[in-house]
Amino acid sequence: MRFSEYVAMARAHWAGLTAFTAIGILLAALAGLLATPEYQARAELVVVTDTGNSANDLAQGSDYSQKQVRTFSALASRPIVLDPVIKDLGLETTAAELARHVGVSTILNTNVISISVTDADPQLAASIANGVSSSLTETIATLVPSLPSGDKSVRMQSIRDATVPVVPSSPNIKMWIVLGALAGLAIGACLIALREALDSKLRTSDDAERITQAPLLGTITLDRRSRTAIVPTSSSSGSPRAEEYRQIRTNIAFLEVGGDRRLFAITSSVPGEGKSTTAANLAASLAAAGHSVCLVEADLRRPSLGKSLGLEGAVGLTTVLIGRATVSDVLQQYGPDGLQVLLSGRRPPNPSELLSSPRMRALLDELSSTFEYVVIDCPPVLPVTDAAIIGNLCGGAILVAGVGIVERRDLAAARAALAAADSPLLGVVANRVRDSAGSRYGYSYEADPEPEAVSPVADVEEPSAVGAPAPPADESGTEPAETPVEAPGDALEPQPAVDGEGDVAAPTTATQRDAPPRPRRAPQEDRVDDESDDADADVEDFARPQLRAVPGKS
């Protein structure tokens, strides 16, 4: 893994790392408070040599004493030194047990020996340190040979007696807390790395783009606070969710470059990834931009759009495919933007045969010639072959990848299945992404409130451009109406018209004016029913627009 991937993993699991670090700190502090405090007393000795008064004798004596320091240090923890201490102090222990509490060290390039004793009783620690110092001095005096003068060539001299310590040397609470924090952080990082290595679920939108090898058309943030399926995608809606679908709508427009693409098959790898919700909101977003759009429910096995949109599902796609109705008979309008919906109808016993029939191809040709965009909600790719069939008829498919739902191998298998059916993968939409950058941007960049309208002054005329001739008057003496100039970008998302009472009216295209009237349904109250876990309509709840009638509109 690259360093950036480790940083991304740490950011994604910062709560877990923080929790493990806090647990390590708490455990270390608790262990320090419960531990028995120990005190350390220290005594120091110096090795002195009596070898003569000349410079040569002093140099040789210094070298000799430094060599003897290592030997004398080893003797300090031996029974020959410790047994007298145990006897003098009346300790109920052995030399081996006492040696565990005695530490001996030497200062580099010196003749100084330091004797330290650690014990829970500070008074006893000081007494043992002084006892070991005295016993070591006496032992060395008996082991070192005497000079002709009767003096010892090497002798030990005390330079520091042990005093009773006041502050415990152990435990060091601050050090324990630091070590506990580091240990907790290390354990948490190892467990998270192990979980990531063993986890086969899709976790990021970057993984979806890498596995499918298709362009990422957009990401949809997981929002459990929403209660209904459809997001308000009109230009007046500034919700982050609506902006995410507008981003997908914009990216889909680039798929049309170099061709006249009108059919978009929306599918997923497995059930429950949110392909039906994504298809419905994408169609609603396209309709809100002023396009004529038809949403087709081609999931004949587990249809769910009728319940989510509050439309009648008794007749629909299957009714047209078996020749018992025409398209205009079963289309239903949803929302104020003129979105036409073709539901699945009754469940047939042979969905694959119906979807691969010549009638289905003819139906798609008819819809693509009538509407600017046709969005088709298809079944998942892996359980059945219906999506591959429709993707082949549409010239490609868009794959919805549910983050935290689909496994990486299933996503790769879906891509391979579409390729085997000669259905190109046009792009991927990452759904249920946690805390995406788009959501943070949406929450922090809201539109400013509209300024109050200023009434024009009748006596002031608008200055005309220099050198621009006045428009000629017609025979009735009235000036012709000005031709509105279309601003750049209006072709992608025309602004809705405003009626006399300030309500936004849905734009009407030439196709909608020439088309026969569609059956309408009164807007119903939002209904959310609990469905099974594997139904892909319950991927997440969205905020459904509150439909209202525009005055003067039918």
Protein backbone atom coordinates (compact mmCIF):
# COMPACT_ATOMS: atom_id res chain seq x y z
CA MET A 1 0.00 0.00 0.00
CA ARG A 2 1.07 3.56 -0.69
CA PHE A 3 1.49 6.15 2.04
CA SER A 4 -1.59 8.01 0.80
CA GLU A 5 -3.66 4.85 1.20
CA TYR A 6 -2.51 4.51 4.81
CA VAL A 7 -3.47 8.13 5.43
CA ALA A 8 -6.88 7.55 3.85
CA MET A 9 -7.38 4.44 5.98
CA ALA A 10 -6.44 6.38 9.13
CA ARG A 11 -8.88 9.16 8.24
CA ALA A 12 -11.63 6.65 7.56
CA HIS A 13 -11.07 4.89 10.91
CA TRP A 14 -10.02 7.85 13.05
CA ALA A 15 -12.76 7.07 15.58
CA GLY A 16 -11.47 3.53 16.09
CA LEU A 17 -7.87 4.67 16.43
CA THR A 18 -8.92 7.31 18.94
CA ALA A 19 -10.87 4.73 20.92
CA PHE A 20 -7.94 2.30 21.07
CA THR A 21 -5.60 5.11 22.12
CA ALA A 22 -7.97 6.20 24.87
CA ILE A 23 -8.33 2.62 26.09
CA GLY A 24 -4.54 2.27 26.22
CA ILE A 25 -4.25 5.47 28.26
CA LEU A 26 -6.97 4.39 30.68
CA LEU A 27 -5.50 0.92 31.19
CA ALA A 28 -2.00 2.32 31.73
CA ALA A 29 -3.24 4.91 34.23
CA LEU A 30 -5.32 2.29 36.07
CA ALA A 31 -2.38 -0.12 36.22
CA GLY A 32 -0.16 2.64 37.56
CA LEU A 33 -2.64 3.57 40.28
CA LEU A 34 -3.10 -0.05 41.33
CA ALA A 35 0.60 -0.91 41.27
CA THR A 36 2.52 -1.02 44.58
CA PRO A 37 4.94 1.92 44.76
CA GLU A 38 8.60 1.01 45.08
CA TYR A 39 11.46 3.13 46.40
CA GLN A 40 15.10 3.07 45.35
CA ALA A 41 18.08 3.87 47.59
CA ARG A 42 21.59 4.29 46.22
CA ALA A 43 25.09 4.04 47.77
CA GLU A 44 28.41 4.66 45.97
CA LEU A 45 31.95 3.34 46.48
CA VAL A 46 35.29 4.18 44.91
CA VAL A 47 38.22 1.81 44.32
CA VAL A 48 41.51 3.20 45.63
CA THR A 49 44.97 1.73 44.89
CA ASP A 50 48.19 2.15 46.90
CA THR A 51 50.99 1.36 44.45
CA GLY A 52 53.55 4.06 45.03
CA ASN A 53 54.24 7.76 44.76
CA SER A 54 55.92 8.00 41.37
CA ALA A 55 54.02 8.98 38.25
CA ASN A 56 54.64 5.60 36.72
CA ASP A 57 53.28 3.83 39.78
CA LEU A 58 50.20 6.05 39.87
CA ALA A 59 49.41 5.38 36.18
CA GLN A 60 49.77 1.66 36.61
CA GLY A 61 47.64 1.78 39.75
CA SER A 62 44.88 3.66 37.94
CA ASP A 63 44.75 1.08 35.14
CA TYR A 64 44.82 -1.71 37.65
CA SER A 65 41.97 -0.26 39.72
CA GLN A 66 39.73 0.23 36.64
CA LYS A 67 40.22 -3.42 35.77
CA GLN A 68 39.33 -4.43 39.32
CA VAL A 69 36.12 -2.37 39.28
CA ARG A 70 34.37 -4.90 37.01
CA THR A 71 35.37 -7.74 39.31
CA PHE A 72 34.25 -5.95 42.45
CA SER A 73 30.91 -5.02 40.82
CA ALA A 74 30.19 -8.69 40.13
CA LEU A 75 30.93 -9.59 43.76
CA ALA A 76 28.30 -7.12 45.06
CA SER A 77 25.42 -9.46 44.09
CA ARG A 78 27.08 -12.68 45.20
CA PRO A 79 26.21 -14.61 48.41
CA ILE A 80 29.64 -13.84 49.85
CA VAL A 81 28.50 -10.20 50.12
CA LEU A 82 24.73 -10.61 50.60
CA ASP A 83 24.70 -13.30 53.28
CA PRO A 84 26.25 -11.01 55.92
CA VAL A 85 23.67 -8.33 55.04
CA ILE A 86 20.79 -10.78 55.53
CA LYS A 87 22.23 -11.84 58.88
CA ASP A 88 22.89 -8.30 60.14
CA LEU A 89 19.44 -6.96 59.16
CA GLY A 90 17.56 -10.11 60.12
CA LEU A 91 15.92 -10.47 56.71
CA GLU A 92 13.77 -13.51 56.02
CA THR A 93 15.02 -14.07 52.50
CA THR A 94 17.81 -15.75 50.57
CA ALA A 95 20.78 -14.32 48.76
CA ALA A 96 19.25 -15.20 45.41
CA GLU A 97 15.98 -13.39 46.20
CA LEU A 98 17.83 -10.39 47.61
CA ALA A 99 20.00 -10.19 44.51
CA ARG A 100 16.85 -9.44 42.44
CA HIS A 101 16.43 -6.20 44.38
CA VAL A 102 20.10 -5.18 44.18
CA GLY A 103 21.50 -3.42 41.16
CA VAL A 104 25.20 -2.69 40.59
CA SER A 105 26.56 -0.34 37.95
CA THR A 106 29.82 1.45 37.18
CA ILE A 107 30.45 4.88 35.76
CA LEU A 108 32.40 4.68 32.51
CA ASN A 109 36.14 5.37 32.75
CA THR A 110 35.96 5.84 36.52
CA ASN A 111 36.60 3.76 39.61
CA VAL A 112 33.14 4.43 41.05
CA ILE A 113 30.71 1.58 41.82
CA SER A 114 27.02 2.42 42.36
CA ILE A 115 24.85 0.06 44.42
CA SER A 116 21.05 0.53 44.19
CA VAL A 117 18.37 -1.34 46.12
CA THR A 118 14.64 -1.27 45.26
CA ASP A 119 11.97 -2.20 47.80
CA ALA A 120 8.44 -1.28 48.79
CA ASP A 121 9.78 -0.09 52.18
CA PRO A 122 11.96 3.02 51.71
CA GLN A 123 13.68 2.58 55.10
CA LEU A 124 14.57 -1.03 54.35
CA ALA A 125 15.85 -0.10 50.87
CA ALA A 126 18.31 2.41 52.39
CA SER A 127 19.44 -0.06 55.06
CA ILE A 128 20.10 -2.82 52.52
CA ALA A 129 22.05 -0.45 50.23
CA ASN A 130 24.31 0.66 53.09
CA GLY A 131 24.67 -2.95 54.30
CA VAL A 132 25.74 -4.17 50.83
CA SER A 133 28.23 -1.28 50.59
CA SER A 134 29.80 -2.17 53.96
CA SER A 135 29.82 -5.92 53.27
CA LEU A 136 31.45 -5.41 49.85
CA THR A 137 34.20 -3.25 51.44
CA GLU A 138 34.97 -5.90 54.04
CA THR A 139 34.90 -8.72 51.51
CA ILE A 140 37.34 -6.93 49.20
CA ALA A 141 39.69 -6.31 52.13
CA THR A 142 39.89 -10.04 52.77
CA LEU A 143 40.44 -10.95 49.12
CA VAL A 144 43.03 -8.39 48.07
CA PRO A 145 46.71 -9.27 48.86
CA SER A 146 48.73 -7.04 51.21
CA LEU A 147 51.82 -5.00 50.38
CA PRO A 148 55.20 -5.57 52.16
CA SER A 149 54.30 -2.66 54.37
CA GLY A 150 51.18 -4.49 55.49
CA ASP A 151 48.74 -2.16 53.63
CA LYS A 152 46.28 -3.40 51.04
CA SER A 153 47.10 -2.68 47.42
CA VAL A 154 43.43 -2.04 46.65
CA ARG A 155 40.74 -0.93 48.99
CA MET A 156 37.08 0.23 48.80
CA GLN A 157 36.03 3.58 50.23
CA SER A 158 32.45 4.82 50.62
CA ILE A 159 31.75 8.18 48.96
CA ARG A 160 27.96 8.25 49.33
CA ASP A 161 25.72 6.62 51.90
CA ALA A 162 22.16 5.68 50.97
CA THR A 163 19.42 7.92 52.33
CA VAL A 164 15.76 7.10 52.82
CA PRO A 165 13.96 7.96 49.52
CA VAL A 166 10.83 10.11 49.70
CA VAL A 167 9.47 9.85 46.13
CA PRO A 168 8.76 6.40 44.72
CA SER A 169 10.79 5.41 41.71
CA SER A 170 8.07 3.18 40.33
CA PRO A 171 5.51 3.34 38.86
CA ASN A 172 6.18 6.38 36.63
CA ILE A 173 2.58 7.33 35.82
CA LYS A 174 3.46 9.79 33.05
CA MET A 175 5.70 7.31 31.31
CA TRP A 176 3.11 4.57 31.64
CA ILE A 177 0.42 6.80 30.10
CA VAL A 178 2.64 7.64 27.12
CA LEU A 179 3.48 3.96 26.60
CA GLY A 180 -0.19 3.01 26.99
CA ALA A 181 -1.21 5.54 24.34
CA LEU A 182 1.43 4.29 21.91
CA ALA A 183 0.50 0.67 22.59
CA GLY A 184 -3.21 1.35 22.11
CA LEU A 185 -2.57 3.23 18.87
CA ALA A 186 -0.34 0.46 17.56
CA ILE A 187 -2.84 -2.28 18.46
CA GLY A 188 -5.71 -0.32 16.89
CA ALA A 189 -3.73 0.29 13.69
CA CYS A 190 -2.83 -3.38 13.42
CA LEU A 191 -6.42 -4.52 13.95
CA ILE A 192 -7.76 -2.01 11.41
CA ALA A 193 -5.12 -3.02 8.87
CA LEU A 194 -5.99 -6.68 9.44
CA ARG A 195 -9.69 -5.91 9.03
CA GLU A 196 -9.03 -4.04 5.80
CA ALA A 197 -6.94 -6.93 4.50
CA LEU A 198 -9.64 -9.49 5.31
CA ASP A 199 -12.61 -7.28 4.36
CA SER A 200 -13.92 -8.09 0.90
CA LYS A 201 -16.59 -5.35 0.82
CA LEU A 202 -16.34 -2.29 -1.37
CA ARG A 203 -15.37 0.63 0.90
CA THR A 204 -14.52 3.65 -1.27
CA SER A 205 -15.57 5.19 -4.55
CA ASP A 206 -11.95 5.01 -5.72
CA ASP A 207 -12.07 1.22 -5.36
CA ALA A 208 -15.25 1.11 -7.44
CA GLU A 209 -13.58 3.09 -10.22
CA ARG A 210 -10.44 0.94 -10.05
CA ILE A 211 -12.25 -2.42 -10.05
CA THR A 212 -14.73 -1.60 -12.83
CA GLN A 213 -12.15 0.31 -14.90
CA ALA A 214 -14.97 2.68 -15.80
CA PRO A 215 -15.33 6.44 -15.23
CA LEU A 216 -16.85 7.47 -11.91
CA LEU A 217 -20.01 9.39 -12.80
CA GLY A 218 -20.71 10.50 -9.23
CA THR A 219 -21.09 9.55 -5.60
CA ILE A 220 -24.24 9.46 -3.47
CA THR A 221 -23.74 10.08 0.23
CA LEU A 222 -25.34 7.82 2.81
CA ASP A 223 -28.02 9.80 4.67
CA ARG A 224 -30.15 7.85 7.13
CA ARG A 225 -32.11 10.95 8.14
CA SER A 226 -34.08 11.02 4.88
CA ARG A 227 -37.46 9.37 4.94
CA THR A 228 -38.59 8.97 1.30
CA ALA A 229 -37.17 7.74 -1.96
CA ILE A 230 -37.14 10.75 -4.28
CA VAL A 231 -34.92 13.79 -3.78
CA PRO A 232 -36.22 17.23 -4.85
CA THR A 233 -34.00 18.03 -7.83
CA SER A 234 -35.56 21.27 -9.04
CA SER A 235 -33.34 24.32 -9.44
CA SER A 236 -34.75 25.77 -6.22
CA SER A 237 -33.58 22.78 -4.19
CA GLY A 238 -30.18 23.40 -2.61
CA SER A 239 -29.85 20.12 -0.72
CA PRO A 240 -26.51 18.32 -1.01
CA ARG A 241 -28.29 15.17 -2.17
CA ALA A 242 -29.92 17.00 -5.07
CA GLU A 243 -26.55 18.47 -6.02
CA GLU A 244 -25.03 14.99 -6.14
CA TYR A 245 -27.65 13.84 -8.65
CA ARG A 246 -27.13 17.02 -10.67
CA GLN A 247 -23.45 16.13 -10.84
CA ILE A 248 -24.33 12.69 -12.21
CA ARG A 249 -26.70 14.33 -14.69
CA THR A 250 -23.89 16.60 -15.88
CA ASN A 251 -21.44 13.72 -16.25
CA ILE A 252 -23.99 11.68 -18.19
CA ALA A 253 -24.20 14.52 -20.69
CA PHE A 254 -20.55 13.86 -21.57
CA LEU A 255 -21.42 10.25 -22.43
CA GLU A 256 -23.39 11.61 -25.39
CA VAL A 257 -20.32 13.19 -26.95
CA GLY A 258 -19.71 11.59 -30.33
CA GLY A 259 -23.12 9.95 -30.54
CA ASP A 260 -26.83 10.34 -29.98
CA ARG A 261 -27.26 8.34 -26.78
CA ARG A 262 -30.77 8.39 -25.35
CA LEU A 263 -31.06 5.06 -23.51
CA PHE A 264 -29.41 4.53 -20.15
CA ALA A 265 -29.68 1.15 -18.43
CA ILE A 266 -29.12 1.41 -14.67
CA THR A 267 -28.14 -1.82 -12.90
CA SER A 268 -26.08 -3.17 -10.02
CA SER A 269 -24.10 -6.27 -9.16
CA VAL A 270 -26.35 -7.66 -6.41
CA PRO A 271 -29.68 -6.63 -4.85
CA GLY A 272 -29.75 -3.91 -2.24
CA GLU A 273 -27.23 -1.49 -3.76
CA GLY A 274 -29.75 1.24 -4.61
CA LYS A 275 -30.03 1.00 -8.38
CA SER A 276 -33.81 1.66 -8.43
CA THR A 277 -33.47 4.75 -6.24
CA THR A 278 -30.56 5.99 -8.34
CA ALA A 279 -32.49 5.47 -11.59
CA ALA A 280 -35.57 7.30 -10.25
CA ASN A 281 -33.61 10.28 -8.96
CA LEU A 282 -31.50 10.50 -12.09
CA ALA A 283 -34.65 10.59 -14.22
CA ALA A 284 -36.19 13.23 -11.95
CA SER A 285 -33.02 15.32 -12.18
CA LEU A 286 -33.04 15.16 -15.98
CA ALA A 287 -36.71 16.12 -16.03
CA ALA A 288 -36.04 19.06 -13.70
CA ALA A 289 -33.50 20.35 -16.24
CA GLY A 290 -36.28 20.67 -18.82
CA HIS A 291 -35.71 17.46 -20.75
CA SER A 292 -38.44 15.04 -21.76
CA VAL A 293 -37.65 11.90 -19.78
CA CYS A 294 -39.20 8.47 -19.46
CA LEU A 295 -38.37 6.22 -16.52
CA VAL A 296 -38.85 2.54 -17.42
CA GLU A 297 -39.02 -0.15 -14.75
CA ALA A 298 -37.52 -3.22 -16.40
CA ASP A 299 -37.00 -5.12 -13.14
CA LEU A 300 -39.82 -7.58 -13.75
CA ARG A 301 -38.84 -9.87 -10.87
CA ARG A 302 -38.83 -7.47 -7.92
CA PRO A 303 -40.46 -4.21 -9.01
CA SER A 304 -40.39 -1.42 -6.43
CA LEU A 305 -40.80 1.92 -8.20
CA GLY A 306 -44.58 1.87 -8.05
CA LYS A 307 -44.61 1.75 -4.27
CA SER A 308 -41.79 4.31 -3.96
CA LEU A 309 -43.43 6.81 -6.34
CA GLY A 310 -47.00 6.17 -5.25
CA LEU A 311 -48.13 5.11 -8.75
CA GLU A 312 -50.44 2.36 -9.93
CA GLY A 313 -48.52 -0.74 -10.95
CA ALA A 314 -51.25 -3.01 -12.31
CA VAL A 315 -50.36 -2.21 -15.92
CA GLY A 316 -47.06 -1.30 -17.44
CA LEU A 317 -44.16 -2.72 -19.42
CA THR A 318 -45.38 -6.32 -19.47
CA THR A 319 -48.82 -5.16 -20.65
CA VAL A 320 -47.20 -3.45 -23.66
CA LEU A 321 -44.88 -6.36 -24.44
CA ILE A 322 -47.74 -8.85 -24.64
CA GLY A 323 -49.68 -6.48 -26.91
CA ARG A 324 -52.62 -5.64 -24.63
CA ALA A 325 -51.91 -1.89 -24.46
CA THR A 326 -49.90 0.83 -26.12
CA VAL A 327 -47.20 2.90 -24.50
CA SER A 328 -49.39 5.99 -24.30
CA ASP A 329 -52.03 3.98 -22.44
CA VAL A 330 -49.77 2.94 -19.57
CA LEU A 331 -47.46 5.94 -19.12
CA GLN A 332 -47.97 7.82 -15.85
CA GLN A 333 -46.72 11.28 -14.98
CA TYR A 334 -44.84 11.94 -11.76
CA GLY A 335 -43.97 15.31 -10.31
CA PRO A 336 -44.33 18.84 -11.67
CA ASP A 337 -41.53 18.45 -14.25
CA GLY A 338 -43.43 16.09 -16.57
CA LEU A 339 -41.46 12.92 -15.78
CA GLN A 340 -43.18 9.99 -17.53
CA VAL A 341 -42.99 6.63 -15.77
CA LEU A 342 -43.52 3.21 -17.32
CA LEU A 343 -43.83 0.72 -14.48
CA SER A 344 -43.20 -2.99 -14.84
CA GLY A 345 -46.80 -4.14 -14.65
CA ARG A 346 -47.73 -7.64 -13.56
CA ARG A 347 -44.93 -10.10 -12.90
CA PRO A 348 -44.52 -12.49 -15.84
CA PRO A 349 -43.33 -16.11 -15.61
CA ASN A 350 -40.70 -15.52 -18.34
CA PRO A 351 -38.99 -12.13 -17.76
CA SER A 352 -35.85 -12.90 -19.76
CA GLU A 353 -37.82 -13.98 -22.83
CA LEU A 354 -39.96 -10.84 -22.73
CA LEU A 355 -36.98 -8.50 -22.37
CA SER A 356 -35.08 -10.17 -25.23
CA SER A 357 -38.09 -10.23 -27.57
CA PRO A 358 -38.37 -8.06 -30.72
CA ARG A 359 -41.25 -6.19 -29.04
CA MET A 360 -38.83 -4.92 -26.38
CA ARG A 361 -36.41 -3.66 -29.00
CA ALA A 362 -39.26 -1.94 -30.85
CA LEU A 363 -40.50 -0.41 -27.60
CA LEU A 364 -37.06 1.04 -26.83
CA ASP A 365 -36.86 2.46 -30.35
CA GLU A 366 -40.25 4.10 -29.88
CA LEU A 367 -39.32 5.59 -26.52
CA SER A 368 -35.95 6.86 -27.75
CA SER A 369 -37.65 8.62 -30.65
CA THR A 370 -40.26 10.19 -28.36
CA PHE A 371 -38.18 11.25 -25.36
CA GLU A 372 -34.83 12.94 -25.03
CA TYR A 373 -33.75 10.54 -22.30
CA VAL A 374 -34.94 7.05 -21.38
CA VAL A 375 -33.71 5.79 -18.02
CA ILE A 376 -34.23 2.05 -17.49
CA ASP A 377 -34.20 0.42 -14.06
CA CYS A 378 -32.77 -3.06 -14.64
CA PRO A 379 -32.40 -6.10 -12.36
CA PRO A 380 -29.00 -6.88 -10.82
CA VAL A 381 -26.42 -8.38 -13.15
CA LEU A 382 -25.23 -11.43 -11.24
CA PRO A 383 -28.49 -13.13 -10.15
CA VAL A 384 -30.16 -12.97 -13.60
CA THR A 385 -29.26 -12.16 -17.20
CA ASP A 386 -31.97 -9.51 -17.69
CA ALA A 387 -29.63 -6.56 -17.13
CA ALA A 388 -27.09 -7.85 -19.64
CA ILE A 389 -29.86 -8.25 -22.23
CA ILE A 390 -31.14 -4.70 -21.73
CA GLY A 391 -27.61 -3.30 -21.61
CA ASN A 392 -26.94 -4.88 -25.00
CA LEU A 393 -30.12 -3.31 -26.42
CA CYS A 394 -29.18 0.09 -25.00
CA GLY A 395 -25.58 -0.04 -26.13
CA GLY A 396 -24.20 0.01 -22.60
CA ALA A 397 -25.09 0.14 -18.91
CA ILE A 398 -24.36 2.25 -15.84
CA LEU A 399 -23.42 0.23 -12.78
CA VAL A 400 -24.47 1.33 -9.28
CA ALA A 401 -21.97 0.14 -6.64
CA GLY A 402 -23.24 0.04 -3.07
CA VAL A 403 -20.35 0.93 -0.75
CA GLY A 404 -20.33 -1.43 2.20
CA ILE A 405 -22.80 -3.79 0.48
CA VAL A 406 -21.26 -5.31 -2.64
CA GLU A 407 -18.10 -7.36 -2.45
CA ARG A 408 -15.16 -6.49 -4.62
CA ARG A 409 -15.19 -9.82 -6.41
CA ASP A 410 -18.92 -9.43 -7.21
CA LEU A 411 -18.27 -5.99 -8.68
CA ALA A 412 -15.53 -7.43 -10.89
CA ALA A 413 -17.81 -10.34 -11.85
CA ALA A 414 -20.59 -7.92 -12.86
CA ARG A 415 -18.19 -6.02 -15.08
CA ALA A 416 -17.11 -9.28 -16.71
CA ALA A 417 -20.74 -10.39 -17.19
CA LEU A 418 -21.63 -7.16 -18.97
CA ALA A 419 -18.56 -7.43 -21.17
CA ALA A 420 -19.44 -11.02 -22.08
CA ALA A 421 -22.92 -9.89 -23.18
CA ASP A 422 -21.38 -7.18 -25.39
CA SER A 423 -22.79 -4.50 -23.10
CA PRO A 424 -20.16 -1.80 -22.53
CA LEU A 425 -19.88 -0.37 -19.03
CA LEU A 426 -20.47 3.35 -19.52
CA GLY A 427 -19.69 4.38 -15.95
CA VAL A 428 -20.12 3.61 -12.27
CA VAL A 429 -22.05 5.44 -9.54
CA ALA A 430 -20.83 4.91 -5.97
CA ASN A 431 -23.85 4.79 -3.64
CA ARG A 432 -24.00 4.98 0.18
CA VAL A 433 -20.62 6.71 0.40
CA ARG A 434 -19.87 7.97 3.90
CA ASP A 435 -18.98 11.64 4.37
CA SER A 436 -18.11 12.40 0.78
CA ALA A 437 -16.44 15.62 -0.28
CA GLY A 438 -19.56 16.60 -2.21
CA SER A 439 -21.72 16.44 0.89
CA ARG A 440 -19.37 18.62 2.87
CA TYR A 441 -19.28 21.14 0.03
CA GLY A 442 -23.05 21.23 -0.18
CA TYR A 443 -23.55 21.87 3.52
CA SER A 444 -21.05 24.72 3.53
CA TYR A 445 -22.05 26.55 0.33
CA GLU A 446 -25.71 27.48 0.38
CA ALA A 447 -27.35 30.00 -1.92
CA ASP A 448 -27.72 33.57 -0.69
CA PRO A 449 -31.27 34.77 0.02
CA GLU A 450 -32.92 36.42 -2.96
CA PRO A 451 -32.86 40.24 -2.88
CA GLU A 452 -36.11 42.13 -2.81
CA ALA A 453 -37.52 43.03 -6.19
CA VAL A 454 -37.13 46.68 -7.23
CA SER A 455 -39.99 48.24 -9.17
CA PRO A 456 -38.86 49.90 -12.41
CA VAL A 457 -39.27 53.68 -12.70
CA ALA A 458 -41.57 54.57 -15.55
CA ASP A 459 -39.94 57.91 -16.32
CA VAL A 460 -36.46 56.48 -16.81
CA GLU A 461 -35.72 54.84 -20.13
CA GLU A 462 -33.15 52.12 -20.53
CA PRO A 463 -30.23 53.50 -22.52
CA SER A 464 -29.72 51.67 -25.78
CA ALA A 465 -26.42 50.47 -27.10
CA VAL A 466 -24.36 53.03 -29.00
CA GLY A 467 -25.04 52.83 -32.70
CA ALA A 468 -27.79 50.22 -32.33
CA PRO A 469 -30.83 51.08 -34.51
CA ALA A 470 -34.25 51.02 -32.94
CA PRO A 471 -36.42 48.03 -33.89
CA PRO A 472 -38.95 48.89 -36.61
CA ALA A 473 -42.64 49.10 -35.72
CA ASP A 474 -45.17 46.84 -37.39
CA GLU A 475 -48.30 48.01 -39.21
CA SER A 476 -50.34 48.17 -36.01
CA GLY A 477 -47.89 50.70 -34.64
CA THR A 478 -46.57 48.45 -31.84
CA GLU A 479 -42.98 47.42 -31.53
CA PRO A 480 -42.28 43.70 -31.91
CA ALA A 481 -41.38 41.79 -28.75
CA GLU A 482 -37.71 41.31 -28.09
CA THR A 483 -36.29 37.92 -28.88
CA PRO A 484 -34.77 36.48 -25.71
CA VAL A 485 -31.10 35.72 -25.98
CA GLU A 486 -30.18 32.33 -24.67
CA ALA A 487 -27.26 32.49 -22.26
CA PRO A 488 -24.48 29.95 -22.55
CA GLY A 489 -25.30 26.88 -20.57
CA ASP A 490 -29.08 27.30 -20.80
CA ALA A 491 -29.23 24.39 -23.19
CA LEU A 492 -27.96 22.10 -20.48
CA GLU A 493 -30.30 23.27 -17.72
CA PRO A 494 -32.98 25.84 -18.72
CA GLN A 495 -34.36 28.01 -15.97
CA PRO A 496 -38.01 27.30 -15.10
CA ALA A 497 -40.65 29.91 -15.84
CA VAL A 498 -42.36 31.78 -13.02
CA ASP A 499 -46.10 32.44 -13.11
CA GLY A 500 -47.92 35.41 -11.74
CA GLU A 501 -48.02 34.18 -8.17
CA GLY A 502 -44.31 33.36 -7.93
CA ASP A 503 -44.65 29.58 -8.30
CA VAL A 504 -42.21 27.71 -10.50
CA ALA A 505 -43.89 26.15 -13.52
CA ALA A 506 -42.48 23.06 -15.19
CA PRO A 507 -40.91 23.79 -18.62
CA THR A 508 -42.77 22.42 -21.63
CA THR A 509 -40.86 21.08 -24.61
CA ALA A 510 -42.08 20.64 -28.14
CA THR A 511 -42.20 16.91 -27.66
CA GLN A 512 -44.46 17.26 -24.65
CA ARG A 513 -46.81 19.66 -26.50
CA ASP A 514 -47.21 17.28 -29.45
CA ALA A 515 -47.53 14.13 -27.35
CA PRO A 516 -51.01 12.92 -26.42
CA PRO A 517 -52.15 13.70 -22.90
CA ARG A 518 -50.82 11.32 -20.28
CA PRO A 519 -52.85 9.92 -17.44
CA ARG A 520 -52.23 11.83 -14.23
CA ARG A 521 -52.50 10.87 -10.62
CA ALA A 522 -53.03 13.19 -7.74
CA PRO A 523 -49.94 13.44 -5.54
CA GLN A 524 -50.21 11.01 -2.70
CA GLU A 525 -48.83 11.16 0.79
CA ASP A 526 -45.37 9.66 1.17
CA ARG A 527 -45.49 6.04 2.14
CA VAL A 528 -42.50 4.10 3.33
CA ASP A 529 -43.02 0.40 3.84
CA ASP A 530 -40.54 -1.94 5.42
CA GLU A 531 -39.24 -4.35 2.83
CA SER A 532 -36.96 -7.29 2.99
CA ASP A 533 -33.23 -6.76 3.41
CA ASP A 534 -32.40 -7.97 -0.08
CA ALA A 535 -34.82 -5.63 -1.87
CA ASP A 536 -32.75 -2.96 -3.59
CA ALA A 537 -35.43 -0.30 -3.19
CA ASP A 538 -34.66 0.10 0.50
CA VAL A 539 -31.05 1.06 0.01
CA GLU A 540 -31.63 4.36 1.76
CA ASP A 541 -34.37 6.88 2.36
CA PHE A 542 -34.46 10.16 0.53
CA ALA A 543 -36.39 13.39 0.84
CA ARG A 544 -39.35 13.33 -1.54
CA PRO A 545 -40.56 16.61 -3.06
CA GLN A 546 -43.83 18.06 -1.80
CA LEU A 547 -45.90 18.30 -4.98
CA ARG A 548 -48.31 21.19 -5.33
CA ALA A 549 -50.52 22.31 -8.13
CA VAL A 550 -49.42 25.39 -10.06
CA PRO A 551 -52.27 27.92 -10.40
CA GLY A 552 -53.56 28.07 -13.90
CA LYS A 553 -51.94 24.76 -14.86
CA SER A 554 -53.77 21.56 -15.63
